[in-house]
Amino acid sequence: MSTFGGVPPPPPTVTLTSTLGDTAPAQGVPSRASTAHIHTTPKLAVTSGQDTLRLLCCTLLDEMKIHVAVIVAAPQIKHNHKTHVTVTAGDAALLDCEAAGEPRAQIFWVLPSSERISSSTARHSLHANGSLSISQASLLDAGEYLCVARNPGGDDSKLYKLDVAAKPPIINGLHRNKTIMKVTAVRHSKKHIDCRIRNIRPSDTGDFICVARNDGGETVLVVQLEVTEMLRRPMFKNPFNEKIIAKPGKTITLNCSVDGNPPPDISWMLPNGTWFSRSNGTLTIYSPESQHAGRYRCAARNQVGYIEKLMVLEVAQKPKILTRPICLLNPQCSSH
């Protein structure tokens, strides 16, 4: 170090001057200019990097350059938000993640699938404050989400857990219209439960669930009940026996219409005693002749009854002249 007349020089004075050119002293974070004394190291930390600064260190006899290190504030994620979120399937989920830092931190998310997103997608919305929302969350969206805030000063991360609860079960399309009957069995005993429905209707069709539960677990029994319409024995739309005359060579159909529940099985007995079934209850005879004439019996049967009716078929014959004509006016007829 240089001396002047044997007297040590005074401590150096450091003046921070911004590119704007003025040297007015400043307090706190250096803005345009500040003054500091350096005793042991030629380094000075500046907590704002917005202005370009230059230093000039002067004494009475010498001058030196001093390095200025500009340090930014590393991001910090706020911890006043929930990190464990539970939503119902189909609802929207929101994960709040806000960070402070200088310069402003960039935020991105790592999904449970390890996919990284830094902007909004079809189902994931990344908000300006860094929060992430998921529209219509499904069971596949459950898992751990990582929020990462990063700037030149470093990064910070925070782990979130999202649970997606399944929707309540639906029985035959009904969400809340259900009846719960609860009974309790005495310790080390058996309990018999009956479920009886009076005046049952088709609308009572459904699944009936019996659940037995204790500290060791639960057992479920599902009974599927199907209620059909009221059973009805077969009935002919025309219950009377019939007589039908067919023209020779012209197709004819014998109709045996029957109603009942469940739908009856219909069968025919031919004049020769042969039985055969016809699902639609009709019997067609093509080009009927005299040998087709006779008694046809239609029978209908279901779970609750049996009926039959008789149809007599006659095949008409063309008229025939059996005697010769008598000649009254012409006397010569008798000679032939």
Protein backbone atom coordinates (compact mmCIF):
# COMPACT_ATOMS: atom_id res chain seq x y z
CA MET A 1 0.00 0.00 0.00
CA SER A 2 1.36 3.47 -0.86
CA THR A 3 2.05 6.14 1.79
CA PHE A 4 2.13 9.91 1.64
CA GLY A 5 4.80 11.61 3.73
CA GLY A 6 5.00 8.63 6.05
CA VAL A 7 1.37 8.97 6.95
CA PRO A 8 -0.88 5.98 6.05
CA PRO A 9 -3.67 6.86 3.63
CA PRO A 10 -7.21 7.08 4.88
CA PRO A 11 -9.59 4.10 4.40
CA PRO A 12 -10.82 3.84 0.83
CA THR A 13 -14.29 5.05 -0.03
CA VAL A 14 -16.41 2.99 -2.42
CA THR A 15 -19.06 4.74 -4.46
CA LEU A 16 -21.71 2.70 -6.32
CA THR A 17 -22.87 4.53 -9.36
CA SER A 18 -25.66 3.29 -11.60
CA THR A 19 -25.73 3.69 -15.33
CA LEU A 20 -28.05 6.62 -14.81
CA GLY A 21 -25.03 8.60 -13.67
CA ASP A 22 -25.96 10.08 -10.28
CA THR A 23 -24.16 9.20 -7.04
CA ALA A 24 -26.72 10.00 -4.38
CA PRO A 25 -26.40 7.63 -1.36
CA ALA A 26 -29.26 5.09 -0.98
CA GLN A 27 -30.57 2.94 1.83
CA GLY A 28 -31.75 -0.69 1.75
CA VAL A 29 -31.48 -2.40 -1.62
CA PRO A 30 -29.17 -0.30 -3.80
CA SER A 31 -31.14 1.55 -6.41
CA ARG A 32 -29.23 4.32 -8.16
CA ALA A 33 -26.21 4.78 -5.85
CA SER A 34 -24.85 3.94 -2.39
CA THR A 35 -21.63 4.42 -0.44
CA ALA A 36 -19.79 1.76 1.57
CA HIS A 37 -16.39 1.30 3.25
CA ILE A 38 -14.43 -1.85 2.42
CA HIS A 39 -11.95 -3.01 5.06
CA THR A 40 -11.01 -6.59 4.32
CA THR A 41 -12.43 -7.73 0.99
CA PRO A 42 -12.92 -6.19 -2.40
CA LYS A 43 -16.42 -7.72 -2.78
CA LEU A 44 -19.81 -6.14 -2.23
CA ALA A 45 -23.18 -7.90 -2.44
CA VAL A 46 -26.10 -6.11 -4.06
CA THR A 47 -29.56 -7.60 -3.51
CA SER A 48 -31.17 -6.15 -6.61
CA GLY A 49 -30.16 -6.92 -10.14
CA GLN A 50 -32.42 -4.45 -11.86
CA ASP A 51 -29.72 -1.82 -12.52
CA THR A 52 -26.24 -2.31 -13.96
CA LEU A 53 -23.80 -0.96 -11.40
CA ARG A 54 -20.16 0.06 -11.55
CA LEU A 55 -17.73 0.66 -8.68
CA LEU A 56 -14.83 3.03 -8.45
CA CYS A 57 -12.53 2.64 -5.46
CA CYS A 58 -10.24 5.51 -4.87
CA THR A 59 -7.55 6.46 -2.33
CA LEU A 60 -5.15 9.34 -2.42
CA LEU A 61 -2.53 7.47 -4.45
CA ASP A 62 -4.07 4.42 -6.07
CA GLU A 63 -7.23 3.17 -7.69
CA MET A 64 -8.61 -0.38 -8.05
CA LYS A 65 -11.58 -2.17 -9.57
CA ILE A 66 -13.99 -4.00 -7.27
CA HIS A 67 -16.25 -6.88 -8.39
CA VAL A 68 -19.94 -6.51 -7.57
CA ALA A 69 -21.91 -9.77 -7.21
CA VAL A 70 -25.67 -9.39 -7.88
CA ILE A 71 -27.64 -11.98 -5.87
CA VAL A 72 -31.33 -12.75 -6.54
CA ALA A 73 -33.85 -14.11 -3.98
CA ALA A 74 -34.50 -17.85 -4.41
CA PRO A 75 -38.18 -18.84 -4.62
CA GLN A 76 -40.07 -20.04 -1.60
CA ILE A 77 -43.44 -21.80 -1.85
CA LYS A 78 -45.98 -20.60 0.67
CA HIS A 79 -47.01 -23.21 3.22
CA ASN A 80 -50.44 -21.90 4.13
CA HIS A 81 -52.29 -24.20 1.70
CA LYS A 82 -53.51 -27.78 2.13
CA THR A 83 -51.25 -30.47 0.73
CA HIS A 84 -53.81 -33.30 1.06
CA VAL A 85 -56.95 -32.77 -1.01
CA THR A 86 -59.92 -35.15 -1.35
CA VAL A 87 -62.65 -34.73 -3.97
CA THR A 88 -65.52 -36.84 -5.28
CA ALA A 89 -65.20 -38.31 -8.76
CA GLY A 90 -66.62 -35.90 -11.30
CA ASP A 91 -65.89 -32.78 -9.23
CA ALA A 92 -63.11 -30.26 -9.86
CA ALA A 93 -59.90 -30.45 -7.78
CA LEU A 94 -57.75 -27.42 -6.89
CA LEU A 95 -54.14 -27.60 -5.69
CA ASP A 96 -52.89 -24.20 -4.47
CA CYS A 97 -49.20 -23.44 -5.01
CA GLU A 98 -47.96 -19.84 -4.67
CA ALA A 99 -44.29 -18.86 -4.54
CA ALA A 100 -42.36 -15.72 -3.59
CA GLY A 101 -38.99 -14.85 -5.12
CA GLU A 102 -37.03 -12.30 -7.13
CA PRO A 103 -37.23 -12.43 -10.04
CA ARG A 104 -40.68 -14.00 -10.13
CA ALA A 105 -40.45 -17.78 -10.12
CA GLN A 106 -41.68 -19.93 -12.97
CA ILE A 107 -43.95 -22.76 -11.73
CA PHE A 108 -44.50 -26.16 -13.29
CA TRP A 109 -46.18 -29.36 -12.07
CA VAL A 110 -45.20 -33.02 -12.22
CA LEU A 111 -48.27 -35.28 -12.41
CA PRO A 112 -48.59 -38.79 -10.90
CA SER A 113 -47.88 -40.13 -14.39
CA SER A 114 -44.49 -38.27 -14.28
CA GLU A 115 -45.75 -35.96 -17.02
CA ARG A 116 -44.52 -32.39 -16.61
CA ILE A 117 -46.84 -29.50 -17.45
CA SER A 118 -46.03 -25.79 -17.41
CA SER A 119 -49.17 -24.56 -19.17
CA SER A 120 -52.86 -25.42 -19.25
CA THR A 121 -54.11 -28.54 -21.03
CA ALA A 122 -57.55 -29.90 -21.87
CA ARG A 123 -58.18 -31.13 -18.30
CA HIS A 124 -55.49 -29.32 -16.31
CA SER A 125 -55.61 -25.53 -15.82
CA LEU A 126 -52.45 -23.78 -14.61
CA HIS A 127 -53.44 -20.45 -13.05
CA ALA A 128 -51.40 -17.23 -12.95
CA ASN A 129 -50.52 -17.73 -9.27
CA GLY A 130 -49.22 -21.25 -9.98
CA SER A 131 -52.23 -23.19 -8.69
CA LEU A 132 -53.39 -26.26 -10.59
CA SER A 133 -57.02 -27.24 -11.13
CA ILE A 134 -58.32 -30.52 -12.57
CA SER A 135 -61.75 -30.59 -14.17
CA GLN A 136 -64.00 -33.60 -13.58
CA ALA A 137 -61.49 -35.56 -11.55
CA SER A 138 -61.54 -39.32 -12.04
CA LEU A 139 -60.14 -42.19 -9.99
CA LEU A 140 -57.14 -42.24 -12.35
CA ASP A 141 -56.22 -38.68 -11.30
CA ALA A 142 -55.50 -39.74 -7.72
CA GLY A 143 -51.86 -39.69 -6.63
CA GLU A 144 -48.97 -37.37 -5.77
CA TYR A 145 -48.48 -34.03 -7.52
CA LEU A 146 -45.22 -32.07 -7.29
CA CYS A 147 -45.23 -28.28 -7.57
CA VAL A 148 -41.83 -26.81 -8.54
CA ALA A 149 -40.99 -23.07 -8.42
CA ARG A 150 -37.76 -22.02 -10.15
CA ASN A 151 -35.81 -18.83 -10.89
CA PRO A 152 -32.09 -18.01 -11.40
CA GLY A 153 -31.60 -18.07 -7.64
CA GLY A 154 -32.69 -21.68 -7.24
CA ASP A 155 -35.86 -23.67 -6.87
CA ASP A 156 -38.33 -24.91 -4.28
CA SER A 157 -40.80 -27.78 -4.45
CA LYS A 158 -43.85 -28.97 -2.57
CA LEU A 159 -45.59 -32.36 -2.69
CA TYR A 160 -49.37 -32.66 -2.80
CA LYS A 161 -51.57 -35.73 -2.47
CA LEU A 162 -54.91 -35.97 -4.26
CA ASP A 163 -57.50 -38.58 -3.28
CA VAL A 164 -60.51 -39.12 -5.54
CA ALA A 165 -63.45 -40.81 -3.85
CA ALA A 166 -65.78 -42.91 -5.97
CA LYS A 167 -69.34 -41.73 -6.45
CA PRO A 168 -72.02 -43.25 -4.19
CA PRO A 169 -73.38 -46.51 -5.62
CA ILE A 170 -76.55 -46.35 -7.69
CA ILE A 171 -79.22 -49.06 -7.47
CA ASN A 172 -81.50 -49.15 -10.51
CA GLY A 173 -80.87 -45.49 -11.21
CA LEU A 174 -81.91 -44.34 -7.72
CA HIS A 175 -79.42 -42.23 -5.74
CA ARG A 176 -81.27 -41.51 -2.51
CA ASN A 177 -84.63 -43.28 -2.72
CA LYS A 178 -83.56 -46.27 -0.70
CA THR A 179 -84.70 -47.94 2.46
CA ILE A 180 -82.17 -49.22 4.98
CA MET A 181 -83.19 -51.78 7.59
CA LYS A 182 -80.58 -52.32 10.28
CA VAL A 183 -80.47 -55.04 12.92
CA THR A 184 -77.78 -56.02 15.40
CA ALA A 185 -76.83 -59.56 16.35
CA VAL A 186 -75.85 -60.41 19.91
CA ARG A 187 -72.23 -61.44 20.40
CA HIS A 188 -71.54 -65.08 19.46
CA SER A 189 -75.08 -65.56 18.12
CA LYS A 190 -76.78 -65.98 14.76
CA LYS A 191 -79.28 -63.57 13.29
CA HIS A 192 -81.88 -64.51 10.69
CA ILE A 193 -83.22 -61.67 8.56
CA ASP A 194 -86.25 -61.82 6.24
CA CYS A 195 -87.14 -59.21 3.66
CA ARG A 196 -90.79 -59.43 2.66
CA ILE A 197 -92.54 -57.21 0.12
CA ARG A 198 -96.31 -56.90 0.21
CA ASN A 199 -98.43 -56.05 -2.84
CA ILE A 200 -95.44 -56.50 -5.08
CA ARG A 201 -95.37 -54.55 -8.34
CA PRO A 202 -93.12 -54.57 -11.43
CA SER A 203 -91.53 -51.36 -10.10
CA ASP A 204 -90.15 -53.39 -7.17
CA THR A 205 -87.70 -55.03 -9.56
CA GLY A 206 -84.14 -54.39 -8.38
CA ASP A 207 -81.10 -55.56 -6.43
CA PHE A 208 -81.52 -56.16 -2.72
CA ILE A 209 -78.25 -56.06 -0.79
CA CYS A 210 -77.70 -57.70 2.58
CA VAL A 211 -74.53 -56.53 4.35
CA ALA A 212 -73.12 -58.16 7.48
CA ARG A 213 -70.32 -56.16 9.10
CA ASN A 214 -68.14 -56.39 12.19
CA ASP A 215 -64.62 -55.38 13.20
CA GLY A 216 -63.20 -58.26 11.19
CA GLY A 217 -64.71 -57.12 7.91
CA GLU A 218 -67.94 -57.49 6.00
CA THR A 219 -69.82 -59.91 3.77
CA VAL A 220 -72.30 -58.89 1.08
CA LEU A 221 -75.17 -60.88 -0.44
CA VAL A 222 -76.93 -59.45 -3.50
CA VAL A 223 -80.39 -60.77 -4.41
CA GLN A 224 -81.74 -59.81 -7.82
CA LEU A 225 -85.54 -59.56 -7.84
CA GLU A 226 -87.43 -59.42 -11.12
CA VAL A 227 -91.17 -58.77 -10.97
CA THR A 228 -93.07 -59.52 -14.15
CA GLU A 229 -96.67 -58.74 -14.98
CA MET A 230 -99.45 -60.74 -13.32
CA LEU A 231 -99.71 -64.29 -14.63
CA ARG A 232 -102.78 -65.01 -16.75
CA ARG A 233 -104.08 -68.35 -18.00
CA PRO A 234 -104.52 -68.71 -21.79
CA MET A 235 -107.67 -67.26 -23.31
CA PHE A 236 -108.89 -67.52 -26.91
CA LYS A 237 -109.89 -64.27 -28.50
CA ASN A 238 -112.76 -66.27 -30.02
CA PRO A 239 -113.57 -68.98 -27.49
CA PHE A 240 -116.27 -70.72 -29.56
CA ASN A 241 -115.86 -73.76 -31.76
CA GLU A 242 -115.89 -72.96 -35.44
CA LYS A 243 -117.03 -74.50 -38.70
CA ILE A 244 -115.05 -73.46 -41.76
CA ILE A 245 -115.81 -74.24 -45.39
CA ALA A 246 -112.88 -74.17 -47.81
CA LYS A 247 -113.02 -73.91 -51.58
CA PRO A 248 -111.18 -76.66 -53.42
CA GLY A 249 -107.69 -75.63 -54.52
CA LYS A 250 -107.80 -72.28 -52.69
CA THR A 251 -105.39 -71.83 -49.75
CA ILE A 252 -107.05 -71.41 -46.37
CA THR A 253 -105.68 -70.43 -42.94
CA LEU A 254 -107.08 -71.59 -39.62
CA ASN A 255 -106.51 -68.92 -36.98
CA CYS A 256 -106.17 -69.75 -33.28
CA SER A 257 -105.42 -66.42 -31.51
CA VAL A 258 -104.58 -66.81 -27.82
CA ASP A 259 -103.68 -64.32 -25.06
CA GLY A 260 -101.96 -65.04 -21.75
CA ASN A 261 -98.94 -64.32 -19.56
CA PRO A 262 -96.48 -65.80 -20.05
CA PRO A 263 -97.33 -66.24 -23.76
CA PRO A 264 -98.86 -69.70 -24.22
CA ASP A 265 -97.43 -72.48 -26.38
CA ILE A 266 -99.88 -73.37 -29.16
CA SER A 267 -100.21 -76.74 -30.83
CA TRP A 268 -102.59 -78.33 -33.35
CA MET A 269 -104.02 -81.81 -33.61
CA LEU A 270 -104.86 -82.84 -37.18
CA PRO A 271 -107.81 -85.07 -38.14
CA ASN A 272 -105.44 -88.05 -38.33
CA GLY A 273 -104.36 -87.53 -34.69
CA THR A 274 -100.94 -85.96 -35.43
CA TRP A 275 -99.80 -83.11 -33.15
CA PHE A 276 -97.46 -80.29 -34.11
CA SER A 277 -96.63 -76.84 -32.70
CA ARG A 278 -97.12 -73.44 -34.31
CA SER A 279 -95.77 -70.44 -32.44
CA ASN A 280 -98.08 -67.89 -34.06
CA GLY A 281 -101.24 -69.97 -33.67
CA THR A 282 -102.09 -70.21 -37.37
CA LEU A 283 -102.43 -73.30 -39.55
CA THR A 284 -102.28 -72.90 -43.33
CA ILE A 285 -103.55 -75.52 -45.77
CA TYR A 286 -102.47 -75.11 -49.38
CA SER A 287 -104.77 -76.36 -52.17
CA PRO A 288 -107.20 -78.12 -49.83
CA GLU A 289 -108.96 -81.22 -51.07
CA SER A 290 -111.59 -83.51 -49.66
CA GLN A 291 -109.02 -85.53 -47.70
CA HIS A 292 -108.13 -82.37 -45.71
CA ALA A 293 -111.62 -82.09 -44.29
CA GLY A 294 -112.15 -83.06 -40.67
CA ARG A 295 -111.82 -81.96 -37.05
CA TYR A 296 -108.84 -79.73 -36.12
CA ARG A 297 -108.12 -79.15 -32.46
CA CYS A 298 -106.16 -76.06 -31.25
CA ALA A 299 -104.59 -76.26 -27.77
CA ALA A 300 -102.84 -73.50 -25.74
CA ARG A 301 -100.82 -74.02 -22.56
CA ASN A 302 -98.72 -71.87 -20.18
CA GLN A 303 -97.62 -72.09 -16.54
CA VAL A 304 -101.06 -71.34 -15.16
CA GLY A 305 -103.52 -73.03 -17.50
CA TYR A 306 -104.55 -75.08 -20.54
CA ILE A 307 -107.41 -74.58 -23.03
CA GLU A 308 -108.43 -75.98 -26.40
CA LYS A 309 -111.04 -75.41 -29.04
CA LEU A 310 -112.41 -77.31 -32.06
CA MET A 311 -112.47 -76.26 -35.69
CA VAL A 312 -114.36 -78.34 -38.25
CA LEU A 313 -113.11 -77.96 -41.79
CA GLU A 314 -115.27 -78.87 -44.76
CA VAL A 315 -114.03 -78.74 -48.35
CA ALA A 316 -116.78 -77.76 -50.78
CA GLN A 317 -117.38 -79.90 -53.87
CA LYS A 318 -118.34 -78.75 -57.36
CA PRO A 319 -121.92 -79.69 -58.24
CA LYS A 320 -122.47 -82.73 -60.51
CA ILE A 321 -125.55 -83.62 -62.63
CA LEU A 322 -126.41 -87.20 -61.87
CA THR A 323 -129.58 -87.73 -64.08
CA ARG A 324 -130.27 -87.16 -67.79
CA PRO A 325 -132.62 -84.34 -68.80
CA ILE A 326 -136.22 -85.36 -69.68
CA CYS A 327 -137.33 -84.50 -73.25
CA LEU A 328 -140.88 -83.14 -73.15
CA LEU A 329 -141.26 -81.04 -76.27
CA ASN A 330 -139.32 -83.00 -78.91
CA PRO A 331 -140.90 -86.40 -79.69
CA GLN A 332 -137.70 -87.56 -81.30
CA CYS A 333 -135.88 -87.58 -77.91
CA SER A 334 -137.30 -90.98 -77.08
CA SER A 335 -135.72 -92.56 -80.11
CA HIS A 336 -132.21 -91.83 -78.87
